[in-house]
PDB file of all heavy atoms in Angstrom:
ATOM      1  N   THR A   1       0.852  -1.184   0.000  1.00  0.00           N
ATOM      2  CA  THR A   1       0.000   0.000   0.000  1.00  0.00           C
ATOM      3  C   THR A   1       0.890   1.237   0.000  1.00  0.00           C
ATOM      4  O   THR A   1       1.795   1.354   0.827  1.00  0.00           O
ATOM      5  CB  THR A   1      -0.915  -0.001   1.232  1.00  0.00           C
ATOM      6  OG1 THR A   1      -1.655  -1.229   1.273  1.00  0.00           O
ATOM      7  CG2 THR A   1      -1.874   1.175   1.206  1.00  0.00           C
ATOM      8  N   THR A   2       0.628   2.156  -0.906  1.00  0.00           N
ATOM      9  CA  THR A   2       1.534   3.291  -1.085  1.00  0.00           C
ATOM     10  C   THR A   2       1.656   4.140   0.173  1.00  0.00           C
ATOM     11  O   THR A   2       2.749   4.615   0.498  1.00  0.00           O
ATOM     12  CB  THR A   2       1.049   4.164  -2.252  1.00  0.00           C
ATOM     13  OG1 THR A   2      -0.309   4.563  -2.017  1.00  0.00           O
ATOM     14  CG2 THR A   2       1.117   3.406  -3.562  1.00  0.00           C
ATOM     15  N   ALA A   3       0.560   4.330   0.901  1.00  0.00           N
ATOM     16  CA  ALA A   3       0.620   5.158   2.104  1.00  0.00           C
ATOM     17  C   ALA A   3       1.481   4.509   3.179  1.00  0.00           C
ATOM     18  O   ALA A   3       2.268   5.183   3.852  1.00  0.00           O
ATOM     19  CB  ALA A   3      -0.793   5.419   2.628  1.00  0.00           C
ATOM     20  N   VAL A   4       1.339   3.204   3.377  1.00  0.00           N
ATOM     21  CA  VAL A   4       2.154   2.492   4.370  1.00  0.00           C
ATOM     22  C   VAL A   4       3.626   2.540   3.972  1.00  0.00           C
ATOM     23  O   VAL A   4       4.506   2.811   4.797  1.00  0.00           O
ATOM     24  CB  VAL A   4       1.678   1.036   4.528  1.00  0.00           C
ATOM     25  CG1 VAL A   4       2.601   0.263   5.467  1.00  0.00           C
ATOM     26  CG2 VAL A   4       0.248   1.000   5.045  1.00  0.00           C
ATOM     27  N   TYR A   5       3.893   2.280   2.696  1.00  0.00           N
ATOM     28  CA  TYR A   5       5.282   2.309   2.219  1.00  0.00           C
ATOM     29  C   TYR A   5       5.884   3.698   2.406  1.00  0.00           C
ATOM     30  O   TYR A   5       7.049   3.830   2.832  1.00  0.00           O
ATOM     31  CB  TYR A   5       5.332   1.902   0.750  1.00  0.00           C
ATOM     32  CG  TYR A   5       6.735   1.831   0.183  1.00  0.00           C
ATOM     33  CD1 TYR A   5       7.516   0.703   0.366  1.00  0.00           C
ATOM     34  CD2 TYR A   5       7.278   2.897  -0.524  1.00  0.00           C
ATOM     35  CE1 TYR A   5       8.794   0.632  -0.147  1.00  0.00           C
ATOM     36  CE2 TYR A   5       8.558   2.841  -1.039  1.00  0.00           C
ATOM     37  CZ  TYR A   5       9.313   1.703  -0.856  1.00  0.00           C
ATOM     38  OH  TYR A   5      10.583   1.647  -1.363  1.00  0.00           O
ATOM     39  N   ALA A   6       5.110   4.751   2.120  1.00  0.00           N
ATOM     40  CA  ALA A   6       5.616   6.111   2.268  1.00  0.00           C
ATOM     41  C   ALA A   6       5.898   6.434   3.732  1.00  0.00           C
ATOM     42  O   ALA A   6       6.939   7.021   4.059  1.00  0.00           O
ATOM     43  CB  ALA A   6       4.617   7.109   1.685  1.00  0.00           C
ATOM     44  N   CYS A   7       4.997   6.050   4.634  1.00  0.00           N
ATOM     45  CA  CYS A   7       5.198   6.335   6.058  1.00  0.00           C
ATOM     46  C   CYS A   7       6.413   5.590   6.614  1.00  0.00           C
ATOM     47  O   CYS A   7       7.229   6.165   7.351  1.00  0.00           O
ATOM     48  CB  CYS A   7       3.947   5.962   6.845  1.00  0.00           C
ATOM     49  SG  CYS A   7       2.514   7.018   6.522  1.00  0.00           S
ATOM     50  N   VAL A   8       6.544   4.314   6.275  1.00  0.00           N
ATOM     51  CA  VAL A   8       7.681   3.526   6.749  1.00  0.00           C
ATOM     52  C   VAL A   8       8.980   4.091   6.189  1.00  0.00           C
ATOM     53  O   VAL A   8       9.986   4.215   6.901  1.00  0.00           O
ATOM     54  CB  VAL A   8       7.509   2.043   6.356  1.00  0.00           C
ATOM     55  CG1 VAL A   8       8.777   1.253   6.652  1.00  0.00           C
ATOM     56  CG2 VAL A   8       6.326   1.435   7.100  1.00  0.00           C
ATOM     57  N   ARG A   9       8.962   4.454   4.927  1.00  0.00           N
ATOM     58  CA  ARG A   9      10.175   4.979   4.306  1.00  0.00           C
ATOM     59  C   ARG A   9      10.575   6.317   4.913  1.00  0.00           C
ATOM     60  O   ARG A   9      11.767   6.558   5.156  1.00  0.00           O
ATOM     61  CB  ARG A   9       9.943   5.134   2.804  1.00  0.00           C
ATOM     62  CG  ARG A   9      11.176   5.597   2.051  1.00  0.00           C
ATOM     63  CD  ARG A   9      10.917   5.680   0.560  1.00  0.00           C
ATOM     64  NE  ARG A   9      12.089   6.174  -0.155  1.00  0.00           N
ATOM     65  CZ  ARG A   9      12.113   6.412  -1.451  1.00  0.00           C
ATOM     66  NH1 ARG A   9      11.034   6.193  -2.188  1.00  0.00           N
ATOM     67  NH2 ARG A   9      13.210   6.862  -2.030  1.00  0.00           N
ATOM     68  N   ILE A  10       9.617   7.193   5.193  1.00  0.00           N
ATOM     69  CA  ILE A  10       9.928   8.499   5.775  1.00  0.00           C
ATOM     70  C   ILE A  10      10.597   8.334   7.136  1.00  0.00           C
ATOM     71  O   ILE A  10      11.652   8.920   7.414  1.00  0.00           O
ATOM     72  CB  ILE A  10       8.650   9.347   5.892  1.00  0.00           C
ATOM     73  CG1 ILE A  10       8.213   9.839   4.507  1.00  0.00           C
ATOM     74  CG2 ILE A  10       8.871  10.542   6.809  1.00  0.00           C
ATOM     75  CD1 ILE A  10       6.850  10.494   4.509  1.00  0.00           C
ATOM     76  N   LEU A  11      10.003   7.533   8.002  1.00  0.00           N
ATOM     77  CA  LEU A  11      10.561   7.357   9.344  1.00  0.00           C
ATOM     78  C   LEU A  11      11.896   6.623   9.310  1.00  0.00           C
ATOM     79  O   LEU A  11      12.843   6.988  10.018  1.00  0.00           O
ATOM     80  CB  LEU A  11       9.569   6.606  10.228  1.00  0.00           C
ATOM     81  CG  LEU A  11       8.369   7.418  10.724  1.00  0.00           C
ATOM     82  CD1 LEU A  11       7.368   6.525  11.420  1.00  0.00           C
ATOM     83  CD2 LEU A  11       8.835   8.529  11.662  1.00  0.00           C
ATOM     84  N   ALA A  12      11.994   5.564   8.502  1.00  0.00           N
ATOM     85  CA  ALA A  12      13.234   4.777   8.446  1.00  0.00           C
ATOM     86  C   ALA A  12      14.379   5.609   7.885  1.00  0.00           C
ATOM     87  O   ALA A  12      15.497   5.604   8.436  1.00  0.00           O
ATOM     88  CB  ALA A  12      13.018   3.522   7.596  1.00  0.00           C
ATOM     89  N   GLU A  13      14.142   6.345   6.814  1.00  0.00           N
ATOM     90  CA  GLU A  13      15.214   7.137   6.215  1.00  0.00           C
ATOM     91  C   GLU A  13      15.584   8.327   7.089  1.00  0.00           C
ATOM     92  O   GLU A  13      16.748   8.735   7.117  1.00  0.00           O
ATOM     93  CB  GLU A  13      14.795   7.604   4.824  1.00  0.00           C
ATOM     94  CG  GLU A  13      14.711   6.471   3.808  1.00  0.00           C
ATOM     95  CD  GLU A  13      14.318   6.960   2.431  1.00  0.00           C
ATOM     96  OE1 GLU A  13      13.901   8.137   2.313  1.00  0.00           O
ATOM     97  OE2 GLU A  13      14.417   6.177   1.463  1.00  0.00           O
ATOM     98  N   THR A  14      14.623   8.896   7.801  1.00  0.00           N
ATOM     99  CA  THR A  14      14.931  10.023   8.681  1.00  0.00           C
ATOM    100  C   THR A  14      15.805   9.584   9.842  1.00  0.00           C
ATOM    101  O   THR A  14      16.807  10.238  10.165  1.00  0.00           O
ATOM    102  CB  THR A  14      13.634  10.661   9.203  1.00  0.00           C
ATOM    103  OG1 THR A  14      12.814  11.059   8.097  1.00  0.00           O
ATOM    104  CG2 THR A  14      13.946  11.885  10.037  1.00  0.00           C
ATOM    105  N   ILE A  15      15.440   8.476  10.485  1.00  0.00           N
ATOM    106  CA  ILE A  15      16.271   7.956  11.585  1.00  0.00           C
ATOM    107  C   ILE A  15      17.660   7.585  11.074  1.00  0.00           C
ATOM    108  O   ILE A  15      18.677   7.835  11.737  1.00  0.00           O
ATOM    109  CB  ILE A  15      15.586   6.736  12.233  1.00  0.00           C
ATOM    110  CG1 ILE A  15      14.349   7.166  13.022  1.00  0.00           C
ATOM    111  CG2 ILE A  15      16.560   5.985  13.146  1.00  0.00           C
ATOM    112  CD1 ILE A  15      14.656   7.975  14.263  1.00  0.00           C
ATOM    113  N   ALA A  16      17.730   6.990   9.882  1.00  0.00           N
ATOM    114  CA  ALA A  16      19.023   6.564   9.342  1.00  0.00           C
ATOM    115  C   ALA A  16      19.902   7.741   8.948  1.00  0.00           C
ATOM    116  O   ALA A  16      21.133   7.633   8.984  1.00  0.00           O
ATOM    117  CB  ALA A  16      18.802   5.652   8.133  1.00  0.00           C
ATOM    118  N   SER A  17      19.305   8.861   8.574  1.00  0.00           N
ATOM    119  CA  SER A  17      20.094  10.001   8.106  1.00  0.00           C
ATOM    120  C   SER A  17      20.538  10.928   9.224  1.00  0.00           C
ATOM    121  O   SER A  17      21.383  11.808   8.997  1.00  0.00           O
ATOM    122  CB  SER A  17      19.284  10.808   7.083  1.00  0.00           C
ATOM    123  OG  SER A  17      18.090  11.311   7.662  1.00  0.00           O
ATOM    124  N   LEU A  18      19.992  10.773  10.429  1.00  0.00           N
ATOM    125  CA  LEU A  18      20.400  11.635  11.537  1.00  0.00           C
ATOM    126  C   LEU A  18      21.819  11.299  11.984  1.00  0.00           C
ATOM    127  O   LEU A  18      22.174  10.122  12.088  1.00  0.00           O
ATOM    128  CB  LEU A  18      19.444  11.474  12.724  1.00  0.00           C
ATOM    129  CG  LEU A  18      18.025  12.014  12.560  1.00  0.00           C
ATOM    130  CD1 LEU A  18      17.202  11.688  13.797  1.00  0.00           C
ATOM    131  CD2 LEU A  18      18.050  13.516  12.331  1.00  0.00           C
ATOM    132  N   PRO A  19      22.642  12.300  12.266  1.00  0.00           N
ATOM    133  CA  PRO A  19      23.985  12.016  12.819  1.00  0.00           C
ATOM    134  C   PRO A  19      23.869  11.333  14.181  1.00  0.00           C
ATOM    135  O   PRO A  19      23.097  11.763  15.038  1.00  0.00           O
ATOM    136  CB  PRO A  19      24.613  13.410  12.941  1.00  0.00           C
ATOM    137  CG  PRO A  19      23.832  14.282  12.010  1.00  0.00           C
ATOM    138  CD  PRO A  19      22.433  13.732  12.012  1.00  0.00           C
ATOM    139  N   LEU A  20      24.617  10.261  14.371  1.00  0.00           N
ATOM    140  CA  LEU A  20      24.613   9.502  15.617  1.00  0.00           C
ATOM    141  C   LEU A  20      26.029   9.465  16.163  1.00  0.00           C
ATOM    142  O   LEU A  20      26.935   8.930  15.519  1.00  0.00           O
ATOM    143  CB  LEU A  20      24.083   8.083  15.376  1.00  0.00           C
ATOM    144  CG  LEU A  20      24.052   7.140  16.579  1.00  0.00           C
ATOM    145  CD1 LEU A  20      23.197   7.710  17.700  1.00  0.00           C
ATOM    146  CD2 LEU A  20      23.538   5.760  16.165  1.00  0.00           C
ATOM    147  N   HIS A  21      26.230  10.041  17.346  1.00  0.00           N
ATOM    148  CA  HIS A  21      27.567  10.151  17.923  1.00  0.00           C
ATOM    149  C   HIS A  21      27.590   9.561  19.327  1.00  0.00           C
ATOM    150  O   HIS A  21      26.568   9.514  20.026  1.00  0.00           O
ATOM    151  CB  HIS A  21      28.016  11.620  17.998  1.00  0.00           C
ATOM    152  CG  HIS A  21      28.051  12.310  16.670  1.00  0.00           C
ATOM    153  ND1 HIS A  21      28.975  12.008  15.697  1.00  0.00           N
ATOM    154  CD2 HIS A  21      27.274  13.290  16.155  1.00  0.00           C
ATOM    155  CE1 HIS A  21      28.771  12.774  14.639  1.00  0.00           C
ATOM    156  NE2 HIS A  21      27.740  13.557  14.892  1.00  0.00           N
ATOM    157  N   THR A  22      28.762   9.112  19.723  1.00  0.00           N
ATOM    158  CA  THR A  22      29.024   8.675  21.090  1.00  0.00           C
ATOM    159  C   THR A  22      29.778   9.775  21.808  1.00  0.00           C
ATOM    160  O   THR A  22      30.814  10.245  21.321  1.00  0.00           O
ATOM    161  CB  THR A  22      29.840   7.371  21.104  1.00  0.00           C
ATOM    162  OG1 THR A  22      29.152   6.364  20.344  1.00  0.00           O
ATOM    163  CG2 THR A  22      30.035   6.875  22.529  1.00  0.00           C
ATOM    164  N   TYR A  23      29.266  10.197  22.955  1.00  0.00           N
ATOM    165  CA  TYR A  23      29.843  11.323  23.686  1.00  0.00           C
ATOM    166  C   TYR A  23      30.411  10.856  25.018  1.00  0.00           C
ATOM    167  O   TYR A  23      29.991   9.840  25.576  1.00  0.00           O
ATOM    168  CB  TYR A  23      28.793  12.411  23.943  1.00  0.00           C
ATOM    169  CG  TYR A  23      28.328  13.120  22.691  1.00  0.00           C
ATOM    170  CD1 TYR A  23      27.177  12.696  22.017  1.00  0.00           C
ATOM    171  CD2 TYR A  23      29.021  14.209  22.185  1.00  0.00           C
ATOM    172  CE1 TYR A  23      26.747  13.345  20.873  1.00  0.00           C
ATOM    173  CE2 TYR A  23      28.588  14.867  21.042  1.00  0.00           C
ATOM    174  CZ  TYR A  23      27.457  14.434  20.395  1.00  0.00           C
ATOM    175  OH  TYR A  23      27.034  15.077  19.264  1.00  0.00           O
ATOM    176  N   ARG A  24      31.353  11.645  25.506  1.00  0.00           N
ATOM    177  CA  ARG A  24      31.948  11.434  26.819  1.00  0.00           C
ATOM    178  C   ARG A  24      31.622  12.640  27.694  1.00  0.00           C
ATOM    179  O   ARG A  24      31.726  13.791  27.255  1.00  0.00           O
ATOM    180  CB  ARG A  24      33.461  11.273  26.695  1.00  0.00           C
ATOM    181  CG  ARG A  24      34.169  11.067  28.032  1.00  0.00           C
ATOM    182  CD  ARG A  24      35.683  11.121  27.877  1.00  0.00           C
ATOM    183  NE  ARG A  24      36.196  10.037  27.034  1.00  0.00           N
ATOM    184  CZ  ARG A  24      36.668  10.211  25.805  1.00  0.00           C
ATOM    185  NH1 ARG A  24      36.681  11.426  25.255  1.00  0.00           N
ATOM    186  NH2 ARG A  24      37.120   9.192  25.100  1.00  0.00           N
ATOM    187  N   TYR A  25      31.198  12.363  28.942  1.00  0.00           N
ATOM    188  CA  TYR A  25      30.971  13.464  29.869  1.00  0.00           C
ATOM    189  C   TYR A  25      32.302  14.140  30.189  1.00  0.00           C
ATOM    190  O   TYR A  25      33.305  13.476  30.463  1.00  0.00           O
ATOM    191  CB  TYR A  25      30.323  12.961  31.163  1.00  0.00           C
ATOM    192  CG  TYR A  25      28.926  12.438  30.990  1.00  0.00           C
ATOM    193  CD1 TYR A  25      28.654  11.071  31.048  1.00  0.00           C
ATOM    194  CD2 TYR A  25      27.863  13.308  30.774  1.00  0.00           C
ATOM    195  CE1 TYR A  25      27.360  10.590  30.889  1.00  0.00           C
ATOM    196  CE2 TYR A  25      26.563  12.829  30.617  1.00  0.00           C
ATOM    197  CZ  TYR A  25      26.321  11.479  30.682  1.00  0.00           C
ATOM    198  OH  TYR A  25      25.051  10.998  30.511  1.00  0.00           O
ATOM    199  N   SER A  26      32.305  15.475  30.162  1.00  0.00           N
ATOM    200  CA  SER A  26      33.521  16.239  30.445  1.00  0.00           C
ATOM    201  C   SER A  26      33.180  17.354  31.420  1.00  0.00           C
ATOM    202  O   SER A  26      32.002  17.691  31.609  1.00  0.00           O
ATOM    203  CB  SER A  26      34.087  16.819  29.138  1.00  0.00           C
ATOM    204  OG  SER A  26      33.187  17.744  28.560  1.00  0.00           O
ATOM    205  N   PRO A  27      34.197  17.959  32.047  1.00  0.00           N
ATOM    206  CA  PRO A  27      33.911  19.064  32.986  1.00  0.00           C
ATOM    207  C   PRO A  27      33.144  20.211  32.337  1.00  0.00           C
ATOM    208  O   PRO A  27      32.346  20.879  32.986  1.00  0.00           O
ATOM    209  CB  PRO A  27      35.309  19.502  33.425  1.00  0.00           C
ATOM    210  CG  PRO A  27      36.161  18.295  33.242  1.00  0.00           C
ATOM    211  CD  PRO A  27      35.614  17.592  32.040  1.00  0.00           C
TER     212      PRO A  27
END
């Protein structure tokens, strides 16, 4: 179904395209 495919693709690609970093607590 085009609407389901569009919704899944929007959320999946948005999460995948966000920068994901590992941080260290510092002073």
